[in-house]
Amino acid sequence: VLAQSVLFVAIFYGISIIWERDLGIVHKFLVSPVP
């Protein structure tokens, strides 16, 4: 159950990247010197 809870928390974490793309945050990351 602990492993399942970790999986369910993590597997939908990628949606935050789509939100950041829509808000323009990803573009700021991409022009930064951070690898």
All heavy atoms as atom14 arrays in JSON, in Angstrom:
{
  "sequence": "VLAQSVLFVAIFYGISIIWERDLGIVHKFLVSPVP",
  "atom14_mask": [
    [1, 1, 1, 1, 1, 1, 1, 0, 0, 0, 0, 0, 0, 0],
    [1, 1, 1, 1, 1, 1, 1, 1, 0, 0, 0, 0, 0, 0],
    [1, 1, 1, 1, 1, 0, 0, 0, 0, 0, 0, 0, 0, 0],
    [1, 1, 1, 1, 1, 1, 1, 1, 1, 0, 0, 0, 0, 0],
    [1, 1, 1, 1, 1, 1, 0, 0, 0, 0, 0, 0, 0, 0],
    [1, 1, 1, 1, 1, 1, 1, 0, 0, 0, 0, 0, 0, 0],
    [1, 1, 1, 1, 1, 1, 1, 1, 0, 0, 0, 0, 0, 0],
    [1, 1, 1, 1, 1, 1, 1, 1, 1, 1, 1, 0, 0, 0],
    [1, 1, 1, 1, 1, 1, 1, 0, 0, 0, 0, 0, 0, 0],
    [1, 1, 1, 1, 1, 0, 0, 0, 0, 0, 0, 0, 0, 0],
    [1, 1, 1, 1, 1, 1, 1, 1, 0, 0, 0, 0, 0, 0],
    [1, 1, 1, 1, 1, 1, 1, 1, 1, 1, 1, 0, 0, 0],
    [1, 1, 1, 1, 1, 1, 1, 1, 1, 1, 1, 1, 0, 0],
    [1, 1, 1, 1, 0, 0, 0, 0, 0, 0, 0, 0, 0, 0],
    [1, 1, 1, 1, 1, 1, 1, 1, 0, 0, 0, 0, 0, 0],
    [1, 1, 1, 1, 1, 1, 0, 0, 0, 0, 0, 0, 0, 0],
    [1, 1, 1, 1, 1, 1, 1, 1, 0, 0, 0, 0, 0, 0],
    [1, 1, 1, 1, 1, 1, 1, 1, 0, 0, 0, 0, 0, 0],
    [1, 1, 1, 1, 1, 1, 1, 1, 1, 1, 1, 1, 1, 1],
    [1, 1, 1, 1, 1, 1, 1, 1, 1, 0, 0, 0, 0, 0],
    [1, 1, 1, 1, 1, 1, 1, 1, 1, 1, 1, 0, 0, 0],
    [1, 1, 1, 1, 1, 1, 1, 1, 0, 0, 0, 0, 0, 0],
    [1, 1, 1, 1, 1, 1, 1, 1, 0, 0, 0, 0, 0, 0],
    [1, 1, 1, 1, 0, 0, 0, 0, 0, 0, 0, 0, 0, 0],
    [1, 1, 1, 1, 1, 1, 1, 1, 0, 0, 0, 0, 0, 0],
    [1, 1, 1, 1, 1, 1, 1, 0, 0, 0, 0, 0, 0, 0],
    [1, 1, 1, 1, 1, 1, 1, 1, 1, 1, 0, 0, 0, 0],
    [1, 1, 1, 1, 1, 1, 1, 1, 1, 0, 0, 0, 0, 0],
    [1, 1, 1, 1, 1, 1, 1, 1, 1, 1, 1, 0, 0, 0],
    [1, 1, 1, 1, 1, 1, 1, 1, 0, 0, 0, 0, 0, 0],
    [1, 1, 1, 1, 1, 1, 1, 0, 0, 0, 0, 0, 0, 0],
    [1, 1, 1, 1, 1, 1, 0, 0, 0, 0, 0, 0, 0, 0],
    [1, 1, 1, 1, 1, 1, 1, 0, 0, 0, 0, 0, 0, 0],
    [1, 1, 1, 1, 1, 1, 1, 0, 0, 0, 0, 0, 0, 0],
    [1, 1, 1, 1, 1, 1, 1, 0, 0, 0, 0, 0, 0, 0]
  ],
  "atom14_positions": [
    [[0.84, -1.2, 0.0], [0.0, 0.0, 0.0], [0.88, 1.25, 0.0], [0.56, 2.24, -0.67], [-0.96, -0.01, 1.2], [-1.64, 1.34, 1.38], [-2.02, -1.09, 1.02], [0.0, 0.0, 0.0], [0.0, 0.0, 0.0], [0.0, 0.0, 0.0], [0.0, 0.0, 0.0], [0.0, 0.0, 0.0], [0.0, 0.0, 0.0], [0.0, 0.0, 0.0]],
    [[1.98, 1.22, 0.74], [2.89, 2.37, 0.73], [3.46, 2.57, -0.67], [3.5, 3.71, -1.18], [4.02, 2.16, 1.74], [5.13, 3.22, 1.73], [4.56, 4.62, 1.89], [6.16, 2.93, 2.82], [0.0, 0.0, 0.0], [0.0, 0.0, 0.0], [0.0, 0.0, 0.0], [0.0, 0.0, 0.0], [0.0, 0.0, 0.0], [0.0, 0.0, 0.0]],
    [[3.91, 1.49, -1.31], [4.46, 1.6, -2.67], [3.39, 2.1, -3.64], [3.67, 2.92, -4.53], [5.0, 0.25, -3.13], [0.0, 0.0, 0.0], [0.0, 0.0, 0.0], [0.0, 0.0, 0.0], [0.0, 0.0, 0.0], [0.0, 0.0, 0.0], [0.0, 0.0, 0.0], [0.0, 0.0, 0.0], [0.0, 0.0, 0.0], [0.0, 0.0, 0.0]],
    [[2.15, 1.62, -3.47], [1.07, 2.07, -4.34], [0.79, 3.56, -4.15], [0.58, 4.3, -5.1], [-0.2, 1.27, -4.05], [-1.39, 1.67, -4.88], [-2.66, 1.78, -4.04], [-2.63, 2.3, -2.93], [-3.75, 1.3, -4.58], [0.0, 0.0, 0.0], [0.0, 0.0, 0.0], [0.0, 0.0, 0.0], [0.0, 0.0, 0.0], [0.0, 0.0, 0.0]],
    [[0.81, 4.02, -2.9], [0.57, 5.43, -2.61], [1.67, 6.3, -3.24], [1.4, 7.37, -3.79], [0.52, 5.66, -1.1], [-0.52, 4.9, -0.51], [0.0, 0.0, 0.0], [0.0, 0.0, 0.0], [0.0, 0.0, 0.0], [0.0, 0.0, 0.0], [0.0, 0.0, 0.0], [0.0, 0.0, 0.0], [0.0, 0.0, 0.0], [0.0, 0.0, 0.0]],
    [[2.9, 5.83, -3.14], [4.02, 6.55, -3.76], [3.83, 6.62, -5.28], [4.03, 7.67, -5.9], [5.35, 5.86, -3.41], [6.5, 6.44, -4.24], [5.65, 6.02, -1.92], [0.0, 0.0, 0.0], [0.0, 0.0, 0.0], [0.0, 0.0, 0.0], [0.0, 0.0, 0.0], [0.0, 0.0, 0.0], [0.0, 0.0, 0.0], [0.0, 0.0, 0.0]],
    [[3.44, 5.5, -5.86], [3.2, 5.45, -7.31], [2.12, 6.45, -7.72], [2.29, 7.21, -8.67], [2.79, 4.04, -7.72], [2.24, 3.87, -9.15], [3.32, 4.16, -10.18], [1.67, 2.47, -9.34], [0.0, 0.0, 0.0], [0.0, 0.0, 0.0], [0.0, 0.0, 0.0], [0.0, 0.0, 0.0], [0.0, 0.0, 0.0], [0.0, 0.0, 0.0]],
    [[1.0, 6.47, -6.99], [-0.12, 7.32, -7.36], [0.21, 8.8, -7.16], [-0.28, 9.64, -7.9], [-1.37, 6.95, -6.55], [-2.08, 5.72, -7.1], [-1.39, 4.72, -7.75], [-3.45, 5.57, -6.94], [-2.02, 3.59, -8.24], [-4.1, 4.46, -7.44], [-3.39, 3.46, -8.09], [0.0, 0.0, 0.0], [0.0, 0.0, 0.0], [0.0, 0.0, 0.0]],
    [[1.02, 9.12, -6.16], [1.45, 10.5, -5.97], [2.35, 10.93, -7.12], [2.23, 12.05, -7.66], [2.19, 10.66, -4.63], [2.93, 11.99, -4.57], [1.21, 10.58, -3.47], [0.0, 0.0, 0.0], [0.0, 0.0, 0.0], [0.0, 0.0, 0.0], [0.0, 0.0, 0.0], [0.0, 0.0, 0.0], [0.0, 0.0, 0.0], [0.0, 0.0, 0.0]],
    [[3.27, 10.03, -7.53], [4.31, 10.4, -8.49], [3.84, 10.37, -9.94], [4.27, 11.18, -10.75], [5.51, 9.48, -8.32], [0.0, 0.0, 0.0], [0.0, 0.0, 0.0], [0.0, 0.0, 0.0], [0.0, 0.0, 0.0], [0.0, 0.0, 0.0], [0.0, 0.0, 0.0], [0.0, 0.0, 0.0], [0.0, 0.0, 0.0], [0.0, 0.0, 0.0]],
    [[2.94, 9.43, -10.27], [2.64, 9.21, -11.68], [1.87, 10.38, -12.3], [1.89, 10.57, -13.51], [1.85, 7.89, -11.87], [2.01, 7.35, -13.29], [0.39, 8.09, -11.5], [3.36, 6.85, -13.63], [0.0, 0.0, 0.0], [0.0, 0.0, 0.0], [0.0, 0.0, 0.0], [0.0, 0.0, 0.0], [0.0, 0.0, 0.0], [0.0, 0.0, 0.0]],
    [[1.19, 11.18, -11.47], [0.47, 12.33, -12.0], [1.24, 13.64, -11.79], [0.7, 14.72, -12.02], [-0.92, 12.43, -11.35], [-1.84, 11.31, -11.75], [-2.12, 10.28, -10.87], [-2.4, 11.27, -13.02], [-2.96, 9.24, -11.24], [-3.25, 10.23, -13.4], [-3.52, 9.21, -12.51], [0.0, 0.0, 0.0], [0.0, 0.0, 0.0], [0.0, 0.0, 0.0]],
    [[2.49, 13.51, -11.35], [3.29, 14.7, -11.09], [3.61, 15.46, -12.38], [3.8, 16.67, -12.37], [4.58, 14.29, -10.37], [5.35, 15.43, -9.8], [4.85, 16.16, -8.72], [6.59, 15.81, -10.32], [5.56, 17.2, -8.17], [7.3, 16.86, -9.78], [6.79, 17.55, -8.71], [7.48, 18.6, -8.17], [0.0, 0.0, 0.0], [0.0, 0.0, 0.0]],
    [[3.64, 14.74, -13.49], [3.99, 15.37, -14.76], [3.01, 16.43, -15.22], [3.36, 17.28, -16.04], [0.0, 0.0, 0.0], [0.0, 0.0, 0.0], [0.0, 0.0, 0.0], [0.0, 0.0, 0.0], [0.0, 0.0, 0.0], [0.0, 0.0, 0.0], [0.0, 0.0, 0.0], [0.0, 0.0, 0.0], [0.0, 0.0, 0.0], [0.0, 0.0, 0.0]],
    [[1.78, 16.38, -14.68], [0.8, 17.39, -15.12], [1.24, 18.79, -14.73], [0.87, 19.78, -15.38], [-0.6, 17.08, -14.55], [-1.67, 17.82, -15.37], [-0.69, 17.42, -13.07], [-3.08, 17.38, -15.05], [0.0, 0.0, 0.0], [0.0, 0.0, 0.0], [0.0, 0.0, 0.0], [0.0, 0.0, 0.0], [0.0, 0.0, 0.0], [0.0, 0.0, 0.0]],
    [[2.07, 18.9, -13.69], [2.56, 20.22, -13.29], [3.45, 20.83, -14.38], [3.51, 22.05, -14.53], [3.35, 20.12, -11.98], [4.53, 19.34, -12.14], [0.0, 0.0, 0.0], [0.0, 0.0, 0.0], [0.0, 0.0, 0.0], [0.0, 0.0, 0.0], [0.0, 0.0, 0.0], [0.0, 0.0, 0.0], [0.0, 0.0, 0.0], [0.0, 0.0, 0.0]],
    [[4.12, 19.97, -15.17], [4.95, 20.47, -16.27], [4.06, 21.11, -17.34], [4.42, 22.14, -17.94], [5.78, 19.32, -16.88], [6.59, 18.61, -15.79], [6.7, 19.85, -17.97], [7.57, 19.48, -15.08], [0.0, 0.0, 0.0], [0.0, 0.0, 0.0], [0.0, 0.0, 0.0], [0.0, 0.0, 0.0], [0.0, 0.0, 0.0], [0.0, 0.0, 0.0]],
    [[2.91, 20.5, -17.57], [2.0, 21.06, -18.58], [1.45, 22.4, -18.09], [1.34, 23.35, -18.87], [0.86, 20.06, -18.87], [1.45, 18.75, -19.41], [-0.13, 20.65, -19.87], [0.45, 17.65, -19.64], [0.0, 0.0, 0.0], [0.0, 0.0, 0.0], [0.0, 0.0, 0.0], [0.0, 0.0, 0.0], [0.0, 0.0, 0.0], [0.0, 0.0, 0.0]],
    [[1.13, 22.5, -16.8], [0.69, 23.78, -16.24], [1.8, 24.83, -16.4], [1.53, 25.98, -16.76], [0.35, 23.62, -14.76], [-1.0, 23.02, -14.51], [-1.27, 21.76, -14.07], [-2.28, 23.65, -14.68], [-2.62, 21.56, -13.96], [-3.27, 22.71, -14.33], [-2.67, 24.91, -15.11], [-4.63, 23.0, -14.38], [-4.03, 25.2, -15.16], [-4.99, 24.25, -14.8]],
    [[3.03, 24.45, -16.1], [4.14, 25.39, -16.21], [4.35, 25.83, -17.67], [4.7, 26.98, -17.92], [5.42, 24.74, -15.67], [5.43, 24.58, -14.15], [6.65, 23.87, -13.64], [7.48, 23.43, -14.48], [6.8, 23.73, -12.41], [0.0, 0.0, 0.0], [0.0, 0.0, 0.0], [0.0, 0.0, 0.0], [0.0, 0.0, 0.0], [0.0, 0.0, 0.0]],
    [[4.13, 24.92, -18.61], [4.23, 25.29, -20.02], [3.17, 26.33, -20.36], [3.44, 27.35, -21.02], [4.06, 24.04, -20.88], [4.39, 24.19, -22.38], [3.22, 24.7, -23.21], [2.01, 23.96, -23.02], [1.66, 22.87, -23.73], [2.44, 22.45, -24.68], [0.5, 22.27, -23.51], [0.0, 0.0, 0.0], [0.0, 0.0, 0.0], [0.0, 0.0, 0.0]],
    [[1.93, 26.1, -19.89], [0.84, 27.03, -20.19], [1.06, 28.4, -19.55], [0.62, 29.42, -20.1], [-0.49, 26.44, -19.72], [-0.87, 25.18, -20.49], [-0.31, 24.97, -21.58], [-1.73, 24.41, -20.0], [0.0, 0.0, 0.0], [0.0, 0.0, 0.0], [0.0, 0.0, 0.0], [0.0, 0.0, 0.0], [0.0, 0.0, 0.0], [0.0, 0.0, 0.0]],
    [[1.73, 28.44, -18.4], [2.0, 29.7, -17.72], [3.28, 30.37, -18.19], [3.6, 31.48, -17.73], [2.07, 29.46, -16.2], [0.76, 29.0, -15.53], [1.02, 28.6, -14.08], [-0.29, 30.1, -15.58], [0.0, 0.0, 0.0], [0.0, 0.0, 0.0], [0.0, 0.0, 0.0], [0.0, 0.0, 0.0], [0.0, 0.0, 0.0], [0.0, 0.0, 0.0]],
    [[4.04, 29.72, -19.04], [5.28, 30.3, -19.55], [6.5, 30.06, -18.67], [7.58, 30.58, -18.96], [0.0, 0.0, 0.0], [0.0, 0.0, 0.0], [0.0, 0.0, 0.0], [0.0, 0.0, 0.0], [0.0, 0.0, 0.0], [0.0, 0.0, 0.0], [0.0, 0.0, 0.0], [0.0, 0.0, 0.0], [0.0, 0.0, 0.0], [0.0, 0.0, 0.0]],
    [[6.34, 29.27, -17.6], [7.46, 29.03, -16.68], [8.52, 28.15, -17.33], [9.72, 28.34, -17.13], [6.95, 28.4, -15.37], [5.98, 29.36, -14.67], [8.1, 28.05, -14.44], [5.29, 28.77, -13.46], [0.0, 0.0, 0.0], [0.0, 0.0, 0.0], [0.0, 0.0, 0.0], [0.0, 0.0, 0.0], [0.0, 0.0, 0.0], [0.0, 0.0, 0.0]],
    [[8.08, 27.16, -18.11], [9.03, 26.25, -18.75], [9.99, 27.02, -19.66], [11.2, 26.74, -19.7], [8.28, 25.17, -19.55], [9.24, 24.42, -20.47], [7.61, 24.19, -18.61], [0.0, 0.0, 0.0], [0.0, 0.0, 0.0], [0.0, 0.0, 0.0], [0.0, 0.0, 0.0], [0.0, 0.0, 0.0], [0.0, 0.0, 0.0], [0.0, 0.0, 0.0]],
    [[9.48, 28.01, -20.38], [10.33, 28.79, -21.27], [11.43, 29.52, -20.49], [12.56, 29.66, -20.97], [9.48, 29.8, -22.05], [8.46, 29.16, -22.95], [7.28, 28.66, -22.45], [8.45, 28.93, -24.29], [6.57, 28.15, -23.46], [7.26, 28.3, -24.57], [0.0, 0.0, 0.0], [0.0, 0.0, 0.0], [0.0, 0.0, 0.0], [0.0, 0.0, 0.0]],
    [[11.1, 29.99, -19.28], [12.11, 30.65, -18.45], [13.17, 29.66, -17.99], [14.36, 29.99, -17.93], [11.44, 31.32, -17.25], [10.49, 32.45, -17.63], [9.81, 33.03, -16.41], [8.84, 34.15, -16.8], [8.11, 34.7, -15.63], [0.0, 0.0, 0.0], [0.0, 0.0, 0.0], [0.0, 0.0, 0.0], [0.0, 0.0, 0.0], [0.0, 0.0, 0.0]],
    [[12.75, 28.44, -17.65], [13.71, 27.41, -17.28], [14.65, 27.08, -18.43], [15.85, 26.9, -18.25], [12.99, 26.13, -16.84], [12.44, 26.17, -15.44], [11.25, 25.54, -15.12], [13.11, 26.83, -14.42], [10.75, 25.56, -13.85], [12.62, 26.87, -13.14], [11.42, 26.23, -12.85], [0.0, 0.0, 0.0], [0.0, 0.0, 0.0], [0.0, 0.0, 0.0]],
    [[14.07, 27.01, -19.63], [14.86, 26.59, -20.79], [15.92, 27.6, -21.19], [16.93, 27.22, -21.8], [13.93, 26.29, -21.97], [13.03, 25.06, -21.81], [12.09, 24.93, -23.0], [13.86, 23.8, -21.65], [0.0, 0.0, 0.0], [0.0, 0.0, 0.0], [0.0, 0.0, 0.0], [0.0, 0.0, 0.0], [0.0, 0.0, 0.0], [0.0, 0.0, 0.0]],
    [[15.69, 28.89, -20.9], [16.71, 29.9, -21.24], [17.67, 30.14, -20.08], [18.59, 30.93, -20.22], [16.05, 31.23, -21.66], [15.2, 31.03, -22.89], [15.22, 31.82, -20.52], [0.0, 0.0, 0.0], [0.0, 0.0, 0.0], [0.0, 0.0, 0.0], [0.0, 0.0, 0.0], [0.0, 0.0, 0.0], [0.0, 0.0, 0.0], [0.0, 0.0, 0.0]],
    [[17.46, 29.45, -18.96], [18.37, 29.59, -17.83], [19.59, 28.69, -18.03], [19.55, 27.75, -18.84], [17.66, 29.21, -16.53], [17.45, 27.81, -16.48], [0.0, 0.0, 0.0], [0.0, 0.0, 0.0], [0.0, 0.0, 0.0], [0.0, 0.0, 0.0], [0.0, 0.0, 0.0], [0.0, 0.0, 0.0], [0.0, 0.0, 0.0], [0.0, 0.0, 0.0]],
    [[20.69, 28.94, -17.31], [21.89, 28.1, -17.46], [21.8, 26.77, -16.73], [22.78, 26.02, -16.7], [22.99, 28.99, -16.87], [22.29, 29.83, -15.86], [20.91, 30.08, -16.41], [0.0, 0.0, 0.0], [0.0, 0.0, 0.0], [0.0, 0.0, 0.0], [0.0, 0.0, 0.0], [0.0, 0.0, 0.0], [0.0, 0.0, 0.0], [0.0, 0.0, 0.0]],
    [[20.65, 26.46, -16.13], [20.51, 25.21, -15.37], [20.46, 24.03, -16.34], [19.66, 24.05, -17.3], [19.23, 25.24, -14.51], [19.09, 23.93, -13.73], [19.25, 26.42, -13.56], [0.0, 0.0, 0.0], [0.0, 0.0, 0.0], [0.0, 0.0, 0.0], [0.0, 0.0, 0.0], [0.0, 0.0, 0.0], [0.0, 0.0, 0.0], [0.0, 0.0, 0.0]],
    [[21.28, 23.0, -16.16], [21.22, 21.82, -17.05], [19.84, 21.17, -17.0], [19.17, 21.19, -15.96], [22.29, 20.89, -16.46], [23.19, 21.76, -15.67], [22.35, 22.88, -15.15], [0.0, 0.0, 0.0], [0.0, 0.0, 0.0], [0.0, 0.0, 0.0], [0.0, 0.0, 0.0], [0.0, 0.0, 0.0], [0.0, 0.0, 0.0], [0.0, 0.0, 0.0]]
  ]
}
